[in-house]
């Protein structure tokens, strides 16, 4: 469903931020464990790309995530998620990590109380995630 047609917006040894022009979705791809600075920088780059493209969606591809430390969990909840809402993102799609420890650490940070402002979808497979995003996109374009 998702073609290989993607544009690299930002890359480092730990993660990439990609734009998928065929489905108009910015995507952060976690590649391996990173320190706080690299993690936050990539998350900020994802927001920058979403704002530049005026996207209502973003995709956190965290299948390879190991853990998110406590300070980063707090930063996601208190800083990153509110910023996504400020720039107009309505839906965050998350490809879940494979290990229980990583899932638990991720879910502690990705909690946003105002579900009317921001919906977060959690998926084990990218096909399910893309179907969800495309369905939402079609609804918003009607």
C-alpha atoms as a PDB file:
ATOM      1  CA  UNK A   1       0.000   0.000   0.000  1.00  0.00           C
ATOM      2  CA  UNK A   2       2.845   2.405   0.790  1.00  0.00           C
ATOM      3  CA  UNK A   3       5.187   2.845  -2.129  1.00  0.00           C
ATOM      4  CA  UNK A   4       8.906   3.368  -1.789  1.00  0.00           C
ATOM      5  CA  UNK A   5       8.318   6.901  -3.031  1.00  0.00           C
ATOM      6  CA  UNK A   6       9.577   8.804  -0.015  1.00  0.00           C
ATOM      7  CA  UNK A   7      11.668  11.906   0.578  1.00  0.00           C
ATOM      8  CA  UNK A   8      14.243  12.046   3.355  1.00  0.00           C
ATOM      9  CA  UNK A   9      13.707  15.236   5.341  1.00  0.00           C
ATOM     10  CA  UNK A  10      16.137  14.480   8.180  1.00  0.00           C
ATOM     11  CA  UNK A  11      18.382  11.571   9.027  1.00  0.00           C
ATOM     12  CA  UNK A  12      20.885  10.614  11.671  1.00  0.00           C
ATOM     13  CA  UNK A  13      22.265   7.261  12.862  1.00  0.00           C
ATOM     14  CA  UNK A  14      19.258   6.757  15.170  1.00  0.00           C
ATOM     15  CA  UNK A  15      16.186   7.769  13.194  1.00  0.00           C
ATOM     16  CA  UNK A  16      14.931   9.210   9.938  1.00  0.00           C
ATOM     17  CA  UNK A  17      12.162  11.679   9.242  1.00  0.00           C
ATOM     18  CA  UNK A  18      10.512  10.958   5.908  1.00  0.00           C
ATOM     19  CA  UNK A  19       7.794  12.495   3.765  1.00  0.00           C
ATOM     20  CA  UNK A  20       5.550  10.102   1.846  1.00  0.00           C
ATOM     21  CA  UNK A  21       4.113  12.265  -0.946  1.00  0.00           C
ATOM     22  CA  UNK A  22       1.806   9.537  -2.258  1.00  0.00           C
ATOM     23  CA  UNK A  23      -0.169   9.554   1.019  1.00  0.00           C
ATOM     24  CA  UNK A  24       0.919  12.992   2.386  1.00  0.00           C
ATOM     25  CA  UNK A  25       2.177  11.626   5.693  1.00  0.00           C
ATOM     26  CA  UNK A  26       5.308  12.668   7.587  1.00  0.00           C
ATOM     27  CA  UNK A  27       6.947   9.695   9.302  1.00  0.00           C
ATOM     28  CA  UNK A  28       9.598   9.248  11.970  1.00  0.00           C
ATOM     29  CA  UNK A  29      11.404   5.889  11.668  1.00  0.00           C
ATOM     30  CA  UNK A  30      13.278   4.755  14.744  1.00  0.00           C
ATOM     31  CA  UNK A  31      16.401   2.788  13.802  1.00  0.00           C
ATOM     32  CA  UNK A  32      18.178   2.206  17.117  1.00  0.00           C
ATOM     33  CA  UNK A  33      18.573   3.489  20.662  1.00  0.00           C
ATOM     34  CA  UNK A  34      19.497   7.150  20.956  1.00  0.00           C
ATOM     35  CA  UNK A  35      20.256   9.586  23.703  1.00  0.00           C
ATOM     36  CA  UNK A  36      17.730  12.232  24.709  1.00  0.00           C
ATOM     37  CA  UNK A  37      19.165  14.987  22.499  1.00  0.00           C
ATOM     38  CA  UNK A  38      18.972  12.968  19.284  1.00  0.00           C
ATOM     39  CA  UNK A  39      15.512  11.637  20.138  1.00  0.00           C
ATOM     40  CA  UNK A  40      14.060  15.065  20.800  1.00  0.00           C
ATOM     41  CA  UNK A  41      15.732  16.610  17.759  1.00  0.00           C
ATOM     42  CA  UNK A  42      14.170  14.009  15.454  1.00  0.00           C
ATOM     43  CA  UNK A  43      10.750  14.442  17.092  1.00  0.00           C
ATOM     44  CA  UNK A  44      11.058  18.210  16.545  1.00  0.00           C
ATOM     45  CA  UNK A  45      12.033  17.646  12.905  1.00  0.00           C
ATOM     46  CA  UNK A  46       8.873  15.574  12.469  1.00  0.00           C
ATOM     47  CA  UNK A  47       6.797  18.492  13.755  1.00  0.00           C
ATOM     48  CA  UNK A  48       8.686  20.899  11.471  1.00  0.00           C
ATOM     49  CA  UNK A  49       7.929  18.719   8.448  1.00  0.00           C
ATOM     50  CA  UNK A  50       4.262  18.314   9.401  1.00  0.00           C
ATOM     51  CA  UNK A  51       3.934  22.080   9.833  1.00  0.00           C
ATOM     52  CA  UNK A  52       5.684  22.783   6.516  1.00  0.00           C
ATOM     53  CA  UNK A  53       3.378  20.368   4.689  1.00  0.00           C
ATOM     54  CA  UNK A  54       0.319  21.409   6.729  1.00  0.00           C
ATOM     55  CA  UNK A  55      -0.356  17.795   7.537  1.00  0.00           C
ATOM     56  CA  UNK A  56      -3.152  16.786   9.877  1.00  0.00           C
ATOM     57  CA  UNK A  57      -1.403  13.445  10.460  1.00  0.00           C
ATOM     58  CA  UNK A  58       1.951  12.097  11.516  1.00  0.00           C
ATOM     59  CA  UNK A  59       3.356   8.604  11.854  1.00  0.00           C
ATOM     60  CA  UNK A  60       5.693   7.434  14.589  1.00  0.00           C
ATOM     61  CA  UNK A  61       7.230   4.211  13.290  1.00  0.00           C
ATOM     62  CA  UNK A  62       8.623   2.872  16.577  1.00  0.00           C
ATOM     63  CA  UNK A  63       8.776  -0.829  15.830  1.00  0.00           C
ATOM     64  CA  UNK A  64      12.515  -0.874  16.652  1.00  0.00           C
ATOM     65  CA  UNK A  65      12.173   1.265  19.791  1.00  0.00           C
ATOM     66  CA  UNK A  66      13.992  -0.069  22.838  1.00  0.00           C
ATOM     67  CA  UNK A  67      12.872   2.257  25.661  1.00  0.00           C
ATOM     68  CA  UNK A  68      11.972   5.885  26.259  1.00  0.00           C
ATOM     69  CA  UNK A  69      13.486   7.274  29.434  1.00  0.00           C
ATOM     70  CA  UNK A  70      11.354   8.983  32.065  1.00  0.00           C
ATOM     71  CA  UNK A  71      12.445  12.538  31.173  1.00  0.00           C
ATOM     72  CA  UNK A  72      11.598  11.940  27.518  1.00  0.00           C
ATOM     73  CA  UNK A  73       8.224  10.459  28.464  1.00  0.00           C
ATOM     74  CA  UNK A  74       7.456  13.678  30.349  1.00  0.00           C
ATOM     75  CA  UNK A  75       8.742  15.824  27.476  1.00  0.00           C
ATOM     76  CA  UNK A  76       6.513  13.990  24.989  1.00  0.00           C
ATOM     77  CA  UNK A  77       3.452  14.393  27.183  1.00  0.00           C
ATOM     78  CA  UNK A  78       4.027  18.006  28.282  1.00  0.00           C
ATOM     79  CA  UNK A  79       5.807  19.540  25.290  1.00  0.00           C
ATOM     80  CA  UNK A  80       5.719  17.476  22.113  1.00  0.00           C
ATOM     81  CA  UNK A  81       2.047  16.406  22.077  1.00  0.00           C
ATOM     82  CA  UNK A  82       0.739  19.935  22.804  1.00  0.00           C
ATOM     83  CA  UNK A  83       2.974  21.282  20.012  1.00  0.00           C
ATOM     84  CA  UNK A  84       1.535  18.776  17.554  1.00  0.00           C
ATOM     85  CA  UNK A  85      -1.930  20.133  18.357  1.00  0.00           C
ATOM     86  CA  UNK A  86      -0.710  23.744  18.000  1.00  0.00           C
ATOM     87  CA  UNK A  87       0.518  23.151  14.449  1.00  0.00           C
ATOM     88  CA  UNK A  88      -2.727  21.449  13.413  1.00  0.00           C
ATOM     89  CA  UNK A  89      -2.016  17.732  13.695  1.00  0.00           C
ATOM     90  CA  UNK A  90      -5.239  15.878  14.515  1.00  0.00           C
ATOM     91  CA  UNK A  91      -4.053  12.257  14.362  1.00  0.00           C
ATOM     92  CA  UNK A  92      -0.834  10.553  15.445  1.00  0.00           C
ATOM     93  CA  UNK A  93      -0.393   6.994  14.213  1.00  0.00           C
ATOM     94  CA  UNK A  94       2.064   4.789  16.091  1.00  0.00           C
ATOM     95  CA  UNK A  95       3.623   1.526  14.950  1.00  0.00           C
ATOM     96  CA  UNK A  96       4.180  -0.159  18.296  1.00  0.00           C
ATOM     97  CA  UNK A  97       7.520  -1.587  19.412  1.00  0.00           C
ATOM     98  CA  UNK A  98       7.842  -5.335  19.628  1.00  0.00           C
ATOM     99  CA  UNK A  99       9.030  -5.682  23.233  1.00  0.00           C
ATOM    100  CA  UNK A 100       6.753  -5.264  26.268  1.00  0.00           C
ATOM    101  CA  UNK A 101       9.253  -2.985  28.044  1.00  0.00           C
ATOM    102  CA  UNK A 102       9.449  -0.642  25.070  1.00  0.00           C
ATOM    103  CA  UNK A 103       5.644  -0.611  24.684  1.00  0.00           C
ATOM    104  CA  UNK A 104       5.209   0.257  28.345  1.00  0.00           C
ATOM    105  CA  UNK A 105       7.754   3.100  28.277  1.00  0.00           C
ATOM    106  CA  UNK A 106       6.205   4.506  25.099  1.00  0.00           C
ATOM    107  CA  UNK A 107       2.633   4.422  26.409  1.00  0.00           C
ATOM    108  CA  UNK A 108       3.636   6.328  29.551  1.00  0.00           C
ATOM    109  CA  UNK A 109       4.641   9.301  27.400  1.00  0.00           C
ATOM    110  CA  UNK A 110       2.063   9.129  24.613  1.00  0.00           C
ATOM    111  CA  UNK A 111      -0.971  10.078  26.644  1.00  0.00           C
ATOM    112  CA  UNK A 112      -2.924  13.149  25.635  1.00  0.00           C
ATOM    113  CA  UNK A 113      -5.976  13.991  27.684  1.00  0.00           C
ATOM    114  CA  UNK A 114      -7.901  15.991  25.082  1.00  0.00           C
ATOM    115  CA  UNK A 115      -9.025  13.281  22.665  1.00  0.00           C
ATOM    116  CA  UNK A 116     -11.084  15.827  20.717  1.00  0.00           C
ATOM    117  CA  UNK A 117      -7.935  17.787  19.858  1.00  0.00           C
ATOM    118  CA  UNK A 118      -5.643  14.830  19.134  1.00  0.00           C
ATOM    119  CA  UNK A 119      -6.358  11.190  18.425  1.00  0.00           C
ATOM    120  CA  UNK A 120      -3.559   8.666  18.839  1.00  0.00           C
ATOM    121  CA  UNK A 121      -3.873   5.293  17.140  1.00  0.00           C
ATOM    122  CA  UNK A 122      -1.686   2.346  18.135  1.00  0.00           C
ATOM    123  CA  UNK A 123      -0.969  -0.409  15.622  1.00  0.00           C
ATOM    124  CA  UNK A 124       1.107  -3.576  15.451  1.00  0.00           C
ATOM    125  CA  UNK A 125       1.351  -3.536  11.644  1.00  0.00           C
ATOM    126  CA  UNK A 126       1.898  -0.704   9.203  1.00  0.00           C
ATOM    127  CA  UNK A 127      -0.897  -1.925   6.889  1.00  0.00           C
ATOM    128  CA  UNK A 128      -3.491  -1.433   9.662  1.00  0.00           C
ATOM    129  CA  UNK A 129      -2.004   1.950  10.461  1.00  0.00           C
ATOM    130  CA  UNK A 130      -2.078   3.139   6.852  1.00  0.00           C
ATOM    131  CA  UNK A 131      -5.675   1.986   6.398  1.00  0.00           C
ATOM    132  CA  UNK A 132      -6.621   4.013   9.490  1.00  0.00           C
ATOM    133  CA  UNK A 133      -4.809   7.129   8.265  1.00  0.00           C
ATOM    134  CA  UNK A 134      -6.233   6.872   4.752  1.00  0.00           C
ATOM    135  CA  UNK A 135      -9.763   6.362   6.086  1.00  0.00           C
ATOM    136  CA  UNK A 136      -9.366   9.454   8.301  1.00  0.00           C
ATOM    137  CA  UNK A 137      -7.931  11.419   5.407  1.00  0.00           C
ATOM    138  CA  UNK A 138     -10.900  10.528   3.203  1.00  0.00           C
ATOM    139  CA  UNK A 139     -13.349  11.535   5.943  1.00  0.00           C
ATOM    140  CA  UNK A 140     -11.639  14.904   6.422  1.00  0.00           C
ATOM    141  CA  UNK A 141     -11.630  15.569   2.687  1.00  0.00           C
ATOM    142  CA  UNK A 142     -15.382  14.935   2.324  1.00  0.00           C
END
